[in-house]
Amino acid sequence: MGAPQGREGRREGREEGDFLTVERATLGGGCFWCVEAVYQRIEGITKVTSGYMGGTVPNPTYKQINTGRTGHAEVVKVEFDPA
């Protein structure tokens, strides 16, 4: 998954030294900035990273993606505690 980088959330109520089981899902839903903002507010989500998936241009820029000619989809990778 390509850049840009996302922001990390925190899981409240964990004690230092507790192990956190993390699962990951990559989801497309239109503009990744809007999708990222929603997932950052959900309890149990530990990290959300926006990026691009698929396409034919290696390491595309945001400007290239917005032309609609690279074949990439805007996606977010969501890391979460399944508990």
N, C-alpha and C. Protein backbone atom coordinates (compact mmCIF):
# COMPACT_ATOMS: atom_id res chain seq x y z
N MET A 1 0.85 -1.16 0.00
CA MET A 1 0.00 0.00 0.00
C MET A 1 0.90 1.22 0.00
N GLY A 2 0.59 2.20 -0.83
CA GLY A 2 1.40 3.41 -0.96
C GLY A 2 1.11 4.45 0.11
N ALA A 3 1.92 5.50 0.13
CA ALA A 3 1.77 6.61 1.07
C ALA A 3 0.53 7.41 0.70
N PRO A 4 0.06 8.36 1.41
CA PRO A 4 0.58 9.03 2.57
C PRO A 4 0.35 8.26 3.87
N GLN A 5 0.99 8.73 4.92
CA GLN A 5 0.92 8.07 6.21
C GLN A 5 -0.31 8.49 6.99
N GLY A 6 -0.82 7.58 7.82
CA GLY A 6 -1.98 7.88 8.65
C GLY A 6 -1.58 8.28 10.06
N ARG A 7 -2.58 8.51 10.86
CA ARG A 7 -2.38 8.86 12.26
C ARG A 7 -2.74 7.67 13.12
N GLU A 8 -2.10 7.55 14.27
CA GLU A 8 -2.35 6.42 15.15
C GLU A 8 -3.34 6.78 16.25
N GLY A 9 -4.20 5.83 16.58
CA GLY A 9 -5.10 6.00 17.71
C GLY A 9 -4.58 5.22 18.91
N ARG A 10 -5.23 5.38 20.05
CA ARG A 10 -4.82 4.67 21.25
C ARG A 10 -5.96 3.81 21.76
N ARG A 11 -5.59 2.72 22.36
CA ARG A 11 -6.58 1.84 22.99
C ARG A 11 -6.55 2.14 24.48
N GLU A 12 -7.63 2.68 25.01
CA GLU A 12 -7.71 3.03 26.43
C GLU A 12 -7.93 1.78 27.27
N GLY A 13 -7.55 1.85 28.54
CA GLY A 13 -7.83 0.78 29.48
C GLY A 13 -6.84 -0.37 29.45
N ARG A 14 -5.75 -0.23 28.75
CA ARG A 14 -4.73 -1.28 28.71
C ARG A 14 -3.67 -0.98 29.77
N GLU A 15 -3.19 -2.02 30.40
CA GLU A 15 -2.11 -1.88 31.37
C GLU A 15 -0.78 -2.04 30.64
N GLU A 16 0.25 -1.37 31.16
CA GLU A 16 1.58 -1.51 30.56
C GLU A 16 1.99 -2.97 30.62
N GLY A 17 2.52 -3.50 29.55
CA GLY A 17 2.94 -4.89 29.48
C GLY A 17 1.87 -5.83 28.93
N ASP A 18 0.61 -5.36 28.83
CA ASP A 18 -0.44 -6.18 28.22
C ASP A 18 -0.13 -6.41 26.75
N PHE A 19 -0.42 -7.61 26.28
CA PHE A 19 -0.25 -7.90 24.87
C PHE A 19 -1.51 -7.51 24.12
N LEU A 20 -1.35 -6.93 22.96
CA LEU A 20 -2.47 -6.49 22.14
C LEU A 20 -2.50 -7.33 20.88
N THR A 21 -3.60 -8.03 20.66
CA THR A 21 -3.78 -8.77 19.42
C THR A 21 -4.28 -7.80 18.37
N VAL A 22 -3.59 -7.75 17.25
CA VAL A 22 -3.96 -6.80 16.20
C VAL A 22 -4.30 -7.56 14.93
N GLU A 23 -5.43 -7.22 14.35
CA GLU A 23 -5.79 -7.72 13.03
C GLU A 23 -5.82 -6.53 12.08
N ARG A 24 -5.70 -6.81 10.77
CA ARG A 24 -5.64 -5.74 9.77
C ARG A 24 -6.66 -6.00 8.67
N ALA A 25 -7.20 -4.90 8.16
CA ALA A 25 -8.11 -4.96 7.00
C ALA A 25 -7.81 -3.75 6.13
N THR A 26 -7.77 -3.95 4.82
CA THR A 26 -7.59 -2.84 3.88
C THR A 26 -8.91 -2.64 3.16
N LEU A 27 -9.43 -1.41 3.23
CA LEU A 27 -10.77 -1.11 2.74
C LEU A 27 -10.76 0.08 1.80
N GLY A 28 -11.53 -0.01 0.73
CA GLY A 28 -11.72 1.12 -0.17
C GLY A 28 -13.10 1.70 0.06
N GLY A 29 -13.19 3.02 -0.01
CA GLY A 29 -14.49 3.64 0.23
C GLY A 29 -14.57 5.05 -0.31
N GLY A 30 -13.91 5.29 -1.43
CA GLY A 30 -13.89 6.66 -1.97
C GLY A 30 -12.70 7.41 -1.43
N CYS A 31 -12.88 8.67 -1.14
CA CYS A 31 -11.81 9.53 -0.64
C CYS A 31 -11.27 8.98 0.68
N PHE A 32 -9.97 8.62 0.72
CA PHE A 32 -9.44 7.99 1.93
C PHE A 32 -9.40 8.92 3.12
N TRP A 33 -9.30 10.23 2.92
CA TRP A 33 -9.26 11.15 4.07
C TRP A 33 -10.57 11.08 4.85
N CYS A 34 -11.69 11.00 4.15
CA CYS A 34 -13.00 10.93 4.82
C CYS A 34 -13.17 9.60 5.55
N VAL A 35 -12.77 8.52 4.90
CA VAL A 35 -12.88 7.18 5.50
C VAL A 35 -11.97 7.08 6.72
N GLU A 36 -10.74 7.59 6.59
CA GLU A 36 -9.78 7.56 7.70
C GLU A 36 -10.35 8.26 8.93
N ALA A 37 -10.95 9.42 8.75
CA ALA A 37 -11.48 10.19 9.87
C ALA A 37 -12.55 9.42 10.65
N VAL A 38 -13.37 8.65 9.95
CA VAL A 38 -14.41 7.86 10.62
C VAL A 38 -13.79 6.73 11.44
N TYR A 39 -12.87 5.98 10.86
CA TYR A 39 -12.27 4.84 11.56
C TYR A 39 -11.43 5.26 12.75
N GLN A 40 -10.85 6.45 12.73
CA GLN A 40 -10.04 6.92 13.85
C GLN A 40 -10.87 7.13 15.11
N ARG A 41 -12.16 7.22 14.99
CA ARG A 41 -13.03 7.49 16.14
C ARG A 41 -13.65 6.23 16.74
N ILE A 42 -13.36 5.09 16.17
CA ILE A 42 -13.99 3.85 16.63
C ILE A 42 -13.11 3.17 17.68
N GLU A 43 -13.71 2.85 18.83
CA GLU A 43 -12.98 2.18 19.89
C GLU A 43 -12.49 0.82 19.39
N GLY A 44 -11.25 0.50 19.71
CA GLY A 44 -10.65 -0.77 19.29
C GLY A 44 -9.78 -0.64 18.06
N ILE A 45 -9.93 0.45 17.30
CA ILE A 45 -9.06 0.72 16.16
C ILE A 45 -7.76 1.29 16.72
N THR A 46 -6.64 0.66 16.41
CA THR A 46 -5.36 1.11 16.96
C THR A 46 -4.54 1.94 15.99
N LYS A 47 -4.80 1.79 14.68
CA LYS A 47 -4.04 2.56 13.68
C LYS A 47 -4.82 2.59 12.37
N VAL A 48 -4.79 3.73 11.71
CA VAL A 48 -5.42 3.88 10.40
C VAL A 48 -4.41 4.54 9.47
N THR A 49 -4.14 3.91 8.32
CA THR A 49 -3.18 4.44 7.37
C THR A 49 -3.84 4.58 6.00
N SER A 50 -3.79 5.77 5.44
CA SER A 50 -4.34 6.01 4.10
C SER A 50 -3.29 5.71 3.05
N GLY A 51 -3.73 5.23 1.89
CA GLY A 51 -2.80 4.96 0.80
C GLY A 51 -3.53 4.58 -0.47
N TYR A 52 -2.79 3.93 -1.37
CA TYR A 52 -3.31 3.53 -2.68
C TYR A 52 -3.07 2.05 -2.87
N MET A 53 -3.92 1.41 -3.67
CA MET A 53 -3.76 -0.02 -3.93
C MET A 53 -4.07 -0.29 -5.40
N GLY A 54 -3.38 -1.28 -5.96
CA GLY A 54 -3.60 -1.65 -7.36
C GLY A 54 -2.88 -0.67 -8.27
N GLY A 55 -3.33 -0.56 -9.49
CA GLY A 55 -2.80 0.41 -10.42
C GLY A 55 -1.56 -0.03 -11.17
N THR A 56 -1.16 0.81 -12.13
CA THR A 56 -0.05 0.48 -13.02
C THR A 56 1.15 1.40 -12.85
N VAL A 57 1.02 2.48 -12.10
CA VAL A 57 2.12 3.43 -11.91
C VAL A 57 2.79 3.13 -10.58
N PRO A 58 4.11 2.81 -10.59
CA PRO A 58 4.79 2.56 -9.32
C PRO A 58 4.94 3.86 -8.52
N ASN A 59 4.65 3.81 -7.23
CA ASN A 59 4.80 4.94 -6.31
C ASN A 59 4.14 6.22 -6.83
N PRO A 60 2.85 6.18 -7.12
CA PRO A 60 2.18 7.35 -7.68
C PRO A 60 2.03 8.47 -6.66
N THR A 61 1.91 9.68 -7.16
CA THR A 61 1.63 10.83 -6.30
C THR A 61 0.12 10.98 -6.17
N TYR A 62 -0.30 11.77 -5.20
CA TYR A 62 -1.73 12.03 -5.02
C TYR A 62 -2.30 12.70 -6.26
N LYS A 63 -1.53 13.59 -6.86
CA LYS A 63 -1.97 14.28 -8.08
C LYS A 63 -2.20 13.28 -9.22
N GLN A 64 -1.30 12.30 -9.37
CA GLN A 64 -1.47 11.28 -10.41
C GLN A 64 -2.72 10.43 -10.16
N ILE A 65 -2.95 10.06 -8.92
CA ILE A 65 -4.12 9.25 -8.57
C ILE A 65 -5.40 9.98 -8.95
N ASN A 66 -5.43 11.28 -8.69
CA ASN A 66 -6.64 12.07 -8.94
C ASN A 66 -6.98 12.23 -10.42
N THR A 67 -6.06 11.88 -11.32
CA THR A 67 -6.39 11.94 -12.75
C THR A 67 -7.32 10.80 -13.14
N GLY A 68 -7.33 9.72 -12.33
CA GLY A 68 -8.15 8.56 -12.65
C GLY A 68 -7.53 7.66 -13.71
N ARG A 69 -6.28 7.93 -14.08
CA ARG A 69 -5.63 7.16 -15.16
C ARG A 69 -4.61 6.13 -14.69
N THR A 70 -4.37 6.05 -13.39
CA THR A 70 -3.34 5.13 -12.91
C THR A 70 -3.89 3.75 -12.56
N GLY A 71 -5.21 3.65 -12.41
CA GLY A 71 -5.82 2.38 -12.04
C GLY A 71 -5.79 2.09 -10.55
N HIS A 72 -5.32 3.03 -9.75
CA HIS A 72 -5.25 2.83 -8.30
C HIS A 72 -6.58 3.16 -7.63
N ALA A 73 -6.79 2.54 -6.48
CA ALA A 73 -7.92 2.88 -5.62
C ALA A 73 -7.38 3.52 -4.35
N GLU A 74 -8.08 4.52 -3.84
CA GLU A 74 -7.74 5.10 -2.54
C GLU A 74 -8.28 4.15 -1.48
N VAL A 75 -7.42 3.76 -0.53
CA VAL A 75 -7.80 2.79 0.49
C VAL A 75 -7.29 3.23 1.86
N VAL A 76 -7.83 2.61 2.90
CA VAL A 76 -7.28 2.76 4.25
C VAL A 76 -6.99 1.38 4.80
N LYS A 77 -5.84 1.26 5.46
CA LYS A 77 -5.51 0.03 6.19
C LYS A 77 -5.88 0.30 7.64
N VAL A 78 -6.74 -0.55 8.18
CA VAL A 78 -7.22 -0.40 9.55
C VAL A 78 -6.62 -1.51 10.38
N GLU A 79 -5.95 -1.15 11.48
CA GLU A 79 -5.45 -2.13 12.43
C GLU A 79 -6.33 -2.03 13.67
N PHE A 80 -6.78 -3.20 14.17
CA PHE A 80 -7.75 -3.17 15.25
C PHE A 80 -7.57 -4.33 16.21
N ASP A 81 -8.05 -4.13 17.42
CA ASP A 81 -8.08 -5.15 18.46
C ASP A 81 -9.41 -5.88 18.32
N PRO A 82 -9.40 -7.17 17.95
CA PRO A 82 -10.65 -7.88 17.73
C PRO A 82 -11.41 -8.22 19.01
N ALA A 83 -10.80 -7.96 20.16
CA ALA A 83 -11.46 -8.30 21.44
C ALA A 83 -12.60 -7.38 21.79
